[in-house]
Amino acid sequence: MLNSFYVTNVLTAYVSVMTQILPIILAETVNIGDGLKYLGAGVAIVGVIGAGIGQGAIGQGACMAIGRNPEMAPKITSTMIIACGIAESGAIYALVIAILLIFVA
């Protein structure tokens, strides 16, 4: 009973939104250049995955090092923060490139 009520409300909301938005979307002229621009931005943002993996590895290494040698925690933490900043720079560059591709190109 609750599932059918939920599905009915969601579908009704979806259809009402699409009936308002779809004519606006279809009225715009879309060319292949716009599609390729958005595809390029999506490919550029894939660089964020590497930053996430790198920061995870940095955090794991820092936690293991602090667990083995707790008195070195302040030095390990400061080194970890610097390394995370360096790893994050790649993600920021990827984001800047994606934004440039979308809004400038």
PDB file of N, CA and C in Angstrom:
ATOM      1  N   MET A   1       0.828  -1.186   0.000  1.00  0.00           N
ATOM      2  CA  MET A   1       0.000   0.000   0.000  1.00  0.00           C
ATOM      3  C   MET A   1       0.876   1.254   0.000  1.00  0.00           C
ATOM      4  N   LEU A   2       1.858   1.276   0.899  1.00  0.00           N
ATOM      5  CA  LEU A   2       2.730   2.439   0.987  1.00  0.00           C
ATOM      6  C   LEU A   2       3.603   2.563  -0.259  1.00  0.00           C
ATOM      7  N   ASN A   3       4.073   1.430  -0.783  1.00  0.00           N
ATOM      8  CA  ASN A   3       4.912   1.473  -1.982  1.00  0.00           C
ATOM      9  C   ASN A   3       4.144   1.997  -3.178  1.00  0.00           C
ATOM     10  N   SER A   4       2.915   1.556  -3.353  1.00  0.00           N
ATOM     11  CA  SER A   4       2.133   2.034  -4.493  1.00  0.00           C
ATOM     12  C   SER A   4       1.832   3.523  -4.354  1.00  0.00           C
ATOM     13  N   PHE A   5       1.586   3.979  -3.131  1.00  0.00           N
ATOM     14  CA  PHE A   5       1.353   5.405  -2.895  1.00  0.00           C
ATOM     15  C   PHE A   5       2.611   6.206  -3.225  1.00  0.00           C
ATOM     16  N   TYR A   6       3.758   5.695  -2.802  1.00  0.00           N
ATOM     17  CA  TYR A   6       5.026   6.368  -3.063  1.00  0.00           C
ATOM     18  C   TYR A   6       5.315   6.420  -4.557  1.00  0.00           C
ATOM     19  N   VAL A   7       5.166   5.293  -5.233  1.00  0.00           N
ATOM     20  CA  VAL A   7       5.444   5.231  -6.668  1.00  0.00           C
ATOM     21  C   VAL A   7       4.507   6.155  -7.427  1.00  0.00           C
ATOM     22  N   THR A   8       3.250   6.186  -7.049  1.00  0.00           N
ATOM     23  CA  THR A   8       2.285   7.054  -7.723  1.00  0.00           C
ATOM     24  C   THR A   8       2.665   8.518  -7.552  1.00  0.00           C
ATOM     25  N   ASN A   9       3.030   8.906  -6.351  1.00  0.00           N
ATOM     26  CA  ASN A   9       3.409  10.304  -6.124  1.00  0.00           C
ATOM     27  C   ASN A   9       4.698  10.675  -6.848  1.00  0.00           C
ATOM     28  N   VAL A  10       5.667   9.777  -6.838  1.00  0.00           N
ATOM     29  CA  VAL A  10       6.934  10.065  -7.519  1.00  0.00           C
ATOM     30  C   VAL A  10       6.717  10.173  -9.019  1.00  0.00           C
ATOM     31  N   LEU A  11       5.966   9.257  -9.588  1.00  0.00           N
ATOM     32  CA  LEU A  11       5.715   9.307 -11.029  1.00  0.00           C
ATOM     33  C   LEU A  11       4.906  10.536 -11.412  1.00  0.00           C
ATOM     34  N   THR A  12       3.956  10.905 -10.596  1.00  0.00           N
ATOM     35  CA  THR A  12       3.167  12.105 -10.877  1.00  0.00           C
ATOM     36  C   THR A  12       4.046  13.349 -10.841  1.00  0.00           C
ATOM     37  N   ALA A  13       4.906  13.437  -9.853  1.00  0.00           N
ATOM     38  CA  ALA A  13       5.812  14.582  -9.764  1.00  0.00           C
ATOM     39  C   ALA A  13       6.781  14.595 -10.940  1.00  0.00           C
ATOM     40  N   TYR A  14       7.288  13.429 -11.322  1.00  0.00           N
ATOM     41  CA  TYR A  14       8.222  13.342 -12.446  1.00  0.00           C
ATOM     42  C   TYR A  14       7.560  13.789 -13.744  1.00  0.00           C
ATOM     43  N   VAL A  15       6.354  13.308 -13.977  1.00  0.00           N
ATOM     44  CA  VAL A  15       5.650  13.663 -15.209  1.00  0.00           C
ATOM     45  C   VAL A  15       5.326  15.149 -15.230  1.00  0.00           C
ATOM     46  N   SER A  16       4.914  15.700 -14.103  1.00  0.00           N
ATOM     47  CA  SER A  16       4.582  17.126 -14.082  1.00  0.00           C
ATOM     48  C   SER A  16       5.819  17.993 -14.310  1.00  0.00           C
ATOM     49  N   VAL A  17       6.949  17.589 -13.747  1.00  0.00           N
ATOM     50  CA  VAL A  17       8.182  18.348 -13.970  1.00  0.00           C
ATOM     51  C   VAL A  17       8.624  18.217 -15.419  1.00  0.00           C
ATOM     52  N   MET A  18       8.579  17.025 -15.967  1.00  0.00           N
ATOM     53  CA  MET A  18       9.013  16.821 -17.349  1.00  0.00           C
ATOM     54  C   MET A  18       8.119  17.550 -18.343  1.00  0.00           C
ATOM     55  N   THR A  19       6.819  17.644 -18.061  1.00  0.00           N
ATOM     56  CA  THR A  19       5.944  18.375 -18.984  1.00  0.00           C
ATOM     57  C   THR A  19       6.245  19.866 -18.970  1.00  0.00           C
ATOM     58  N   GLN A  20       6.824  20.361 -17.902  1.00  0.00           N
ATOM     59  CA  GLN A  20       7.207  21.768 -17.853  1.00  0.00           C
ATOM     60  C   GLN A  20       8.587  22.002 -18.466  1.00  0.00           C
ATOM     61  N   ILE A  21       9.514  21.074 -18.240  1.00  0.00           N
ATOM     62  CA  ILE A  21      10.901  21.281 -18.658  1.00  0.00           C
ATOM     63  C   ILE A  21      11.154  20.834 -20.097  1.00  0.00           C
ATOM     64  N   LEU A  22      10.542  19.749 -20.523  1.00  0.00           N
ATOM     65  CA  LEU A  22      10.847  19.167 -21.832  1.00  0.00           C
ATOM     66  C   LEU A  22      10.633  20.126 -22.998  1.00  0.00           C
ATOM     67  N   PRO A  23       9.549  20.896 -23.057  1.00  0.00           N
ATOM     68  CA  PRO A  23       9.428  21.839 -24.183  1.00  0.00           C
ATOM     69  C   PRO A  23      10.538  22.885 -24.214  1.00  0.00           C
ATOM     70  N   ILE A  24      11.015  23.288 -23.054  1.00  0.00           N
ATOM     71  CA  ILE A  24      12.099  24.273 -23.010  1.00  0.00           C
ATOM     72  C   ILE A  24      13.391  23.649 -23.526  1.00  0.00           C
ATOM     73  N   ILE A  25      13.653  22.415 -23.118  1.00  0.00           N
ATOM     74  CA  ILE A  25      14.872  21.734 -23.556  1.00  0.00           C
ATOM     75  C   ILE A  25      14.836  21.478 -25.060  1.00  0.00           C
ATOM     76  N   LEU A  26      13.694  21.039 -25.561  1.00  0.00           N
ATOM     77  CA  LEU A  26      13.596  20.721 -26.980  1.00  0.00           C
ATOM     78  C   LEU A  26      13.574  21.967 -27.850  1.00  0.00           C
ATOM     79  N   ALA A  27      13.187  23.113 -27.295  1.00  0.00           N
ATOM     80  CA  ALA A  27      13.142  24.341 -28.076  1.00  0.00           C
ATOM     81  C   ALA A  27      14.535  24.896 -28.343  1.00  0.00           C
ATOM     82  N   GLU A  28      15.490  24.580 -27.484  1.00  0.00           N
ATOM     83  CA  GLU A  28      16.847  25.073 -27.673  1.00  0.00           C
ATOM     84  C   GLU A  28      17.535  24.301 -28.792  1.00  0.00           C
ATOM     85  N   THR A  29      18.349  25.009 -29.527  1.00  0.00           N
ATOM     86  CA  THR A  29      19.125  24.330 -30.560  1.00  0.00           C
ATOM     87  C   THR A  29      20.400  23.791 -29.921  1.00  0.00           C
ATOM     88  N   VAL A  30      20.571  22.512 -30.006  1.00  0.00           N
ATOM     89  CA  VAL A  30      21.741  21.863 -29.422  1.00  0.00           C
ATOM     90  C   VAL A  30      22.590  21.329 -30.566  1.00  0.00           C
ATOM     91  N   ASN A  31      23.863  21.668 -30.536  1.00  0.00           N
ATOM     92  CA  ASN A  31      24.745  21.160 -31.577  1.00  0.00           C
ATOM     93  C   ASN A  31      25.748  20.181 -30.981  1.00  0.00           C
ATOM     94  N   ILE A  32      26.503  19.564 -31.847  1.00  0.00           N
ATOM     95  CA  ILE A  32      27.458  18.551 -31.407  1.00  0.00           C
ATOM     96  C   ILE A  32      28.574  19.177 -30.576  1.00  0.00           C
ATOM     97  N   GLY A  33      28.917  20.422 -30.856  1.00  0.00           N
ATOM     98  CA  GLY A  33      29.976  21.088 -30.099  1.00  0.00           C
ATOM     99  C   GLY A  33      29.656  21.198 -28.621  1.00  0.00           C
ATOM    100  N   ASP A  34      28.382  21.487 -28.303  1.00  0.00           N
ATOM    101  CA  ASP A  34      27.996  21.559 -26.891  1.00  0.00           C
ATOM    102  C   ASP A  34      28.110  20.196 -26.227  1.00  0.00           C
ATOM    103  N   GLY A  35      27.685  19.163 -26.922  1.00  0.00           N
ATOM    104  CA  GLY A  35      27.781  17.821 -26.359  1.00  0.00           C
ATOM    105  C   GLY A  35      29.219  17.402 -26.119  1.00  0.00           C
ATOM    106  N   LEU A  36      30.087  17.711 -27.074  1.00  0.00           N
ATOM    107  CA  LEU A  36      31.502  17.375 -26.905  1.00  0.00           C
ATOM    108  C   LEU A  36      32.148  18.200 -25.796  1.00  0.00           C
ATOM    109  N   LYS A  37      31.666  19.420 -25.625  1.00  0.00           N
ATOM    110  CA  LYS A  37      32.182  20.266 -24.545  1.00  0.00           C
ATOM    111  C   LYS A  37      31.871  19.640 -23.190  1.00  0.00           C
ATOM    112  N   TYR A  38      30.632  19.179 -23.018  1.00  0.00           N
ATOM    113  CA  TYR A  38      30.253  18.550 -21.753  1.00  0.00           C
ATOM    114  C   TYR A  38      30.941  17.197 -21.569  1.00  0.00           C
ATOM    115  N   LEU A  39      31.147  16.475 -22.652  1.00  0.00           N
ATOM    116  CA  LEU A  39      31.873  15.209 -22.570  1.00  0.00           C
ATOM    117  C   LEU A  39      33.320  15.441 -22.137  1.00  0.00           C
ATOM    118  N   GLY A  40      33.947  16.470 -22.696  1.00  0.00           N
ATOM    119  CA  GLY A  40      35.314  16.803 -22.298  1.00  0.00           C
ATOM    120  C   GLY A  40      35.411  17.208 -20.838  1.00  0.00           C
ATOM    121  N   ALA A  41      34.406  17.936 -20.353  1.00  0.00           N
ATOM    122  CA  ALA A  41      34.395  18.317 -18.938  1.00  0.00           C
ATOM    123  C   ALA A  41      34.240  17.087 -18.056  1.00  0.00           C
ATOM    124  N   GLY A  42      33.428  16.138 -18.485  1.00  0.00           N
ATOM    125  CA  GLY A  42      33.268  14.904 -17.719  1.00  0.00           C
ATOM    126  C   GLY A  42      34.543  14.086 -17.679  1.00  0.00           C
ATOM    127  N   VAL A  43      35.250  14.037 -18.802  1.00  0.00           N
ATOM    128  CA  VAL A  43      36.518  13.304 -18.842  1.00  0.00           C
ATOM    129  C   VAL A  43      37.566  14.019 -17.988  1.00  0.00           C
ATOM    130  N   ALA A  44      37.547  15.347 -17.995  1.00  0.00           N
ATOM    131  CA  ALA A  44      38.520  16.096 -17.191  1.00  0.00           C
ATOM    132  C   ALA A  44      38.302  15.871 -15.704  1.00  0.00           C
ATOM    133  N   ILE A  45      37.064  15.704 -15.291  1.00  0.00           N
ATOM    134  CA  ILE A  45      36.775  15.558 -13.870  1.00  0.00           C
ATOM    135  C   ILE A  45      37.132  14.160 -13.371  1.00  0.00           C
ATOM    136  N   VAL A  46      37.461  13.238 -14.272  1.00  0.00           N
ATOM    137  CA  VAL A  46      37.897  11.902 -13.858  1.00  0.00           C
ATOM    138  C   VAL A  46      39.195  11.995 -13.054  1.00  0.00           C
ATOM    139  N   GLY A  47      39.951  13.069 -13.238  1.00  0.00           N
ATOM    140  CA  GLY A  47      41.179  13.265 -12.475  1.00  0.00           C
ATOM    141  C   GLY A  47      40.956  13.362 -10.980  1.00  0.00           C
ATOM    142  N   VAL A  48      39.734  13.631 -10.569  1.00  0.00           N
ATOM    143  CA  VAL A  48      39.426  13.721  -9.141  1.00  0.00           C
ATOM    144  C   VAL A  48      39.526  12.347  -8.487  1.00  0.00           C
ATOM    145  N   ILE A  49      39.302  11.294  -9.247  1.00  0.00           N
ATOM    146  CA  ILE A  49      39.360   9.939  -8.690  1.00  0.00           C
ATOM    147  C   ILE A  49      40.765   9.644  -8.158  1.00  0.00           C
ATOM    148  N   GLY A  50      41.771  10.023  -8.913  1.00  0.00           N
ATOM    149  CA  GLY A  50      43.144   9.796  -8.477  1.00  0.00           C
ATOM    150  C   GLY A  50      43.478  10.543  -7.203  1.00  0.00           C
ATOM    151  N   ALA A  51      42.949  11.755  -7.072  1.00  0.00           N
ATOM    152  CA  ALA A  51      43.199  12.518  -5.845  1.00  0.00           C
ATOM    153  C   ALA A  51      42.546  11.847  -4.646  1.00  0.00           C
ATOM    154  N   GLY A  52      41.362  11.323  -4.831  1.00  0.00           N
ATOM    155  CA  GLY A  52      40.692  10.630  -3.726  1.00  0.00           C
ATOM    156  C   GLY A  52      41.438   9.381  -3.298  1.00  0.00           C
ATOM    157  N   ILE A  53      41.916   8.622  -4.260  1.00  0.00           N
ATOM    158  CA  ILE A  53      42.686   7.416  -3.939  1.00  0.00           C
ATOM    159  C   ILE A  53      44.000   7.792  -3.254  1.00  0.00           C
ATOM    160  N   GLY A  54      44.655   8.838  -3.759  1.00  0.00           N
ATOM    161  CA  GLY A  54      45.914   9.275  -3.158  1.00  0.00           C
ATOM    162  C   GLY A  54      45.742   9.761  -1.729  1.00  0.00           C
ATOM    163  N   GLN A  55      44.686  10.520  -1.479  1.00  0.00           N
ATOM    164  CA  GLN A  55      44.458  11.004  -0.120  1.00  0.00           C
ATOM    165  C   GLN A  55      44.100   9.863   0.818  1.00  0.00           C
ATOM    166  N   GLY A  56      43.392   8.872   0.311  1.00  0.00           N
ATOM    167  CA  GLY A  56      43.095   7.706   1.142  1.00  0.00           C
ATOM    168  C   GLY A  56      44.352   6.950   1.525  1.00  0.00           C
ATOM    169  N   ALA A  57      45.254   6.792   0.571  1.00  0.00           N
ATOM    170  CA  ALA A  57      46.520   6.107   0.865  1.00  0.00           C
ATOM    171  C   ALA A  57      47.371   6.911   1.846  1.00  0.00           C
ATOM    172  N   ILE A  58      47.355   8.236   1.698  1.00  0.00           N
ATOM    173  CA  ILE A  58      48.108   9.089   2.629  1.00  0.00           C
ATOM    174  C   ILE A  58      47.547   8.964   4.037  1.00  0.00           C
ATOM    175  N   GLY A  59      46.233   9.022   4.144  1.00  0.00           N
ATOM    176  CA  GLY A  59      45.602   8.895   5.460  1.00  0.00           C
ATOM    177  C   GLY A  59      45.855   7.544   6.099  1.00  0.00           C
ATOM    178  N   GLN A  60      45.795   6.491   5.285  1.00  0.00           N
ATOM    179  CA  GLN A  60      46.063   5.154   5.808  1.00  0.00           C
ATOM    180  C   GLN A  60      47.495   5.049   6.322  1.00  0.00           C
ATOM    181  N   GLY A  61      48.438   5.552   5.547  1.00  0.00           N
ATOM    182  CA  GLY A  61      49.837   5.492   5.969  1.00  0.00           C
ATOM    183  C   GLY A  61      50.090   6.294   7.235  1.00  0.00           C
ATOM    184  N   ALA A  62      49.446   7.459   7.330  1.00  0.00           N
ATOM    185  CA  ALA A  62      49.633   8.282   8.532  1.00  0.00           C
ATOM    186  C   ALA A  62      49.042   7.601   9.756  1.00  0.00           C
ATOM    187  N   CYS A  63      47.867   7.010   9.608  1.00  0.00           N
ATOM    188  CA  CYS A  63      47.255   6.314  10.753  1.00  0.00           C
ATOM    189  C   CYS A  63      48.104   5.127  11.197  1.00  0.00           C
ATOM    190  N   MET A  64      48.641   4.384  10.243  1.00  0.00           N
ATOM    191  CA  MET A  64      49.489   3.250  10.607  1.00  0.00           C
ATOM    192  C   MET A  64      50.780   3.719  11.280  1.00  0.00           C
ATOM    193  N   ALA A  65      51.355   4.819  10.781  1.00  0.00           N
ATOM    194  CA  ALA A  65      52.596   5.326  11.374  1.00  0.00           C
ATOM    195  C   ALA A  65      52.361   5.863  12.781  1.00  0.00           C
ATOM    196  N   ILE A  66      51.250   6.557  12.984  1.00  0.00           N
ATOM    197  CA  ILE A  66      50.943   7.068  14.324  1.00  0.00           C
ATOM    198  C   ILE A  66      50.638   5.915  15.270  1.00  0.00           C
ATOM    199  N   GLY A  67      50.007   4.858  14.761  1.00  0.00           N
ATOM    200  CA  GLY A  67      49.739   3.690  15.592  1.00  0.00           C
ATOM    201  C   GLY A  67      51.013   2.999  16.042  1.00  0.00           C
ATOM    202  N   ARG A  68      52.033   2.980  15.179  1.00  0.00           N
ATOM    203  CA  ARG A  68      53.301   2.351  15.533  1.00  0.00           C
ATOM    204  C   ARG A  68      54.162   3.232  16.430  1.00  0.00           C
ATOM    205  N   ASN A  69      54.078   4.545  16.216  1.00  0.00           N
ATOM    206  CA  ASN A  69      54.965   5.472  16.927  1.00  0.00           C
ATOM    207  C   ASN A  69      54.162   6.705  17.360  1.00  0.00           C
ATOM    208  N   PRO A  70      53.390   6.608  18.449  1.00  0.00           N
ATOM    209  CA  PRO A  70      52.490   7.698  18.838  1.00  0.00           C
ATOM    210  C   PRO A  70      53.192   9.007  19.209  1.00  0.00           C
ATOM    211  N   GLU A  71      54.426   8.958  19.682  1.00  0.00           N
ATOM    212  CA  GLU A  71      55.084  10.208  20.081  1.00  0.00           C
ATOM    213  C   GLU A  71      55.478  11.068  18.877  1.00  0.00           C
ATOM    214  N   MET A  72      55.473  10.495  17.674  1.00  0.00           N
ATOM    215  CA  MET A  72      55.776  11.252  16.455  1.00  0.00           C
ATOM    216  C   MET A  72      54.517  11.790  15.775  1.00  0.00           C
ATOM    217  N   ALA A  73      53.390  11.721  16.454  1.00  0.00           N
ATOM    218  CA  ALA A  73      52.110  12.111  15.856  1.00  0.00           C
ATOM    219  C   ALA A  73      52.097  13.543  15.314  1.00  0.00           C
ATOM    220  N   PRO A  74      52.623  14.558  16.022  1.00  0.00           N
ATOM    221  CA  PRO A  74      52.573  15.913  15.452  1.00  0.00           C
ATOM    222  C   PRO A  74      53.350  16.049  14.142  1.00  0.00           C
ATOM    223  N   LYS A  75      54.522  15.428  14.071  1.00  0.00           N
ATOM    224  CA  LYS A  75      55.320  15.518  12.846  1.00  0.00           C
ATOM    225  C   LYS A  75      54.656  14.751  11.702  1.00  0.00           C
ATOM    226  N   ILE A  76      54.110  13.587  12.000  1.00  0.00           N
ATOM    227  CA  ILE A  76      53.428  12.791  10.975  1.00  0.00           C
ATOM    228  C   ILE A  76      52.186  13.524  10.480  1.00  0.00           C
ATOM    229  N   THR A  77      51.455  14.151  11.401  1.00  0.00           N
ATOM    230  CA  THR A  77      50.239  14.868  11.016  1.00  0.00           C
ATOM    231  C   THR A  77      50.555  16.051  10.111  1.00  0.00           C
ATOM    232  N   SER A  78      51.585  16.813  10.432  1.00  0.00           N
ATOM    233  CA  SER A  78      51.933  17.959   9.583  1.00  0.00           C
ATOM    234  C   SER A  78      52.392  17.502   8.201  1.00  0.00           C
ATOM    235  N   THR A  79      53.157  16.429   8.152  1.00  0.00           N
ATOM    236  CA  THR A  79      53.579  15.886   6.859  1.00  0.00           C
ATOM    237  C   THR A  79      52.384  15.368   6.074  1.00  0.00           C
ATOM    238  N   MET A  80      51.430  14.746   6.763  1.00  0.00           N
ATOM    239  CA  MET A  80      50.235  14.233   6.101  1.00  0.00           C
ATOM    240  C   MET A  80      49.409  15.370   5.509  1.00  0.00           C
ATOM    241  N   ILE A  81      49.279  16.476   6.232  1.00  0.00           N
ATOM    242  CA  ILE A  81      48.492  17.604   5.731  1.00  0.00           C
ATOM    243  C   ILE A  81      49.138  18.199   4.484  1.00  0.00           C
ATOM    244  N   ILE A  82      50.452  18.319   4.473  1.00  0.00           N
ATOM    245  CA  ILE A  82      51.148  18.826   3.288  1.00  0.00           C
ATOM    246  C   ILE A  82      50.962  17.878   2.110  1.00  0.00           C
ATOM    247  N   ALA A  83      51.084  16.582   2.349  1.00  0.00           N
ATOM    248  CA  ALA A  83      50.918  15.598   1.273  1.00  0.00           C
ATOM    249  C   ALA A  83      49.487  15.599   0.742  1.00  0.00           C
ATOM    250  N   CYS A  84      48.507  15.755   1.622  1.00  0.00           N
ATOM    251  CA  CYS A  84      47.110  15.820   1.164  1.00  0.00           C
ATOM    252  C   CYS A  84      46.870  17.064   0.320  1.00  0.00           C
ATOM    253  N   GLY A  85      47.509  18.168   0.685  1.00  0.00           N
ATOM    254  CA  GLY A  85      47.386  19.385  -0.118  1.00  0.00           C
ATOM    255  C   GLY A  85      47.967  19.208  -1.507  1.00  0.00           C
ATOM    256  N   ILE A  86      49.096  18.528  -1.580  1.00  0.00           N
ATOM    257  CA  ILE A  86      49.706  18.267  -2.887  1.00  0.00           C
ATOM    258  C   ILE A  86      48.827  17.328  -3.708  1.00  0.00           C
ATOM    259  N   ALA A  87      48.262  16.307  -3.065  1.00  0.00           N
ATOM    260  CA  ALA A  87      47.386  15.377  -3.785  1.00  0.00           C
ATOM    261  C   ALA A  87      46.105  16.068  -4.233  1.00  0.00           C
ATOM    262  N   GLU A  88      45.611  17.016  -3.447  1.00  0.00           N
ATOM    263  CA  GLU A  88      44.372  17.715  -3.785  1.00  0.00           C
ATOM    264  C   GLU A  88      44.565  18.684  -4.943  1.00  0.00           C
ATOM    265  N   SER A  89      45.796  19.122  -5.178  1.00  0.00           N
ATOM    266  CA  SER A  89      46.026  20.082  -6.255  1.00  0.00           C
ATOM    267  C   SER A  89      45.640  19.503  -7.614  1.00  0.00           C
ATOM    268  N   GLY A  90      45.839  18.219  -7.815  1.00  0.00           N
ATOM    269  CA  GLY A  90      45.413  17.600  -9.072  1.00  0.00           C
ATOM    270  C   GLY A  90      43.914  17.650  -9.258  1.00  0.00           C
ATOM    271  N   ALA A  91      43.168  17.448  -8.183  1.00  0.00           N
ATOM    272  CA  ALA A  91      41.710  17.528  -8.262  1.00  0.00           C
ATOM    273  C   ALA A  91      41.260  18.954  -8.544  1.00  0.00           C
ATOM    274  N   ILE A  92      41.935  19.915  -7.950  1.00  0.00           N
ATOM    275  CA  ILE A  92      41.574  21.315  -8.197  1.00  0.00           C
ATOM    276  C   ILE A  92      41.865  21.684  -9.646  1.00  0.00           C
ATOM    277  N   TYR A  93      42.994  21.234 -10.187  1.00  0.00           N
ATOM    278  CA  TYR A  93      43.304  21.496 -11.590  1.00  0.00           C
ATOM    279  C   TYR A  93      42.261  20.860 -12.504  1.00  0.00           C
ATOM    280  N   ALA A  94      41.838  19.640 -12.194  1.00  0.00           N
ATOM    281  CA  ALA A  94      40.812  18.975 -13.004  1.00  0.00           C
ATOM    282  C   ALA A  94      39.497  19.740 -12.949  1.00  0.00           C
ATOM    283  N   LEU A  95      39.139  20.237 -11.779  1.00  0.00           N
ATOM    284  CA  LEU A  95      37.910  21.013 -11.644  1.00  0.00           C
ATOM    285  C   LEU A  95      37.992  22.316 -12.426  1.00  0.00           C
ATOM    286  N   VAL A  96      39.129  22.989 -12.367  1.00  0.00           N
ATOM    287  CA  VAL A  96      39.297  24.239 -13.113  1.00  0.00           C
ATOM    288  C   VAL A  96      39.203  23.987 -14.609  1.00  0.00           C
ATOM    289  N   ILE A  97      39.811  22.919 -15.092  1.00  0.00           N
ATOM    290  CA  ILE A  97      39.741  22.595 -16.518  1.00  0.00           C
ATOM    291  C   ILE A  97      38.306  22.292 -16.928  1.00  0.00           C
ATOM    292  N   ALA A  98      37.572  21.540 -16.096  1.00  0.00           N
ATOM    293  CA  ALA A  98      36.181  21.228 -16.415  1.00  0.00           C
ATOM    294  C   ALA A  98      35.335  22.490 -16.455  1.00  0.00           C
ATOM    295  N   ILE A  99      35.537  23.388 -15.508  1.00  0.00           N
ATOM    296  CA  ILE A  99      34.771  24.643 -15.501  1.00  0.00           C
ATOM    297  C   ILE A  99      35.117  25.488 -16.720  1.00  0.00           C
ATOM    298  N   LEU A 100      36.395  25.539 -17.087  1.00  0.00           N
ATOM    299  CA  LEU A 100      36.786  26.289 -18.278  1.00  0.00           C
ATOM    300  C   LEU A 100      36.174  25.693 -19.539  1.00  0.00           C
ATOM    301  N   LEU A 101      36.142  24.379 -19.629  1.00  0.00           N
ATOM    302  CA  LEU A 101      35.545  23.745 -20.802  1.00  0.00           C
ATOM    303  C   LEU A 101      34.057  24.044 -20.908  1.00  0.00           C
ATOM    304  N   ILE A 102      33.368  24.082 -19.786  1.00  0.00           N
ATOM    305  CA  ILE A 102      31.926  24.307 -19.824  1.00  0.00           C
ATOM    306  C   ILE A 102      31.595  25.764 -20.122  1.00  0.00           C
ATOM    307  N   PHE A 103      32.246  26.690 -19.437  1.00  0.00           N
ATOM    308  CA  PHE A 103      31.809  28.076 -19.511  1.00  0.00           C
ATOM    309  C   PHE A 103      32.598  28.953 -20.472  1.00  0.00           C
ATOM    310  N   VAL A 104      33.817  28.582 -20.831  1.00  0.00           N
ATOM    311  CA  VAL A 104      34.626  29.442 -21.687  1.00  0.00           C
ATOM    312  C   VAL A 104      34.676  28.925 -23.117  1.00  0.00           C
ATOM    313  N   ALA A 105      34.835  27.632 -23.284  1.00  0.00           N
ATOM    314  CA  ALA A 105      34.992  27.062 -24.630  1.00  0.00           C
ATOM    315  C   ALA A 105      33.730  27.192 -25.447  1.00  0.00           C
TER     316      ALA A 105
END
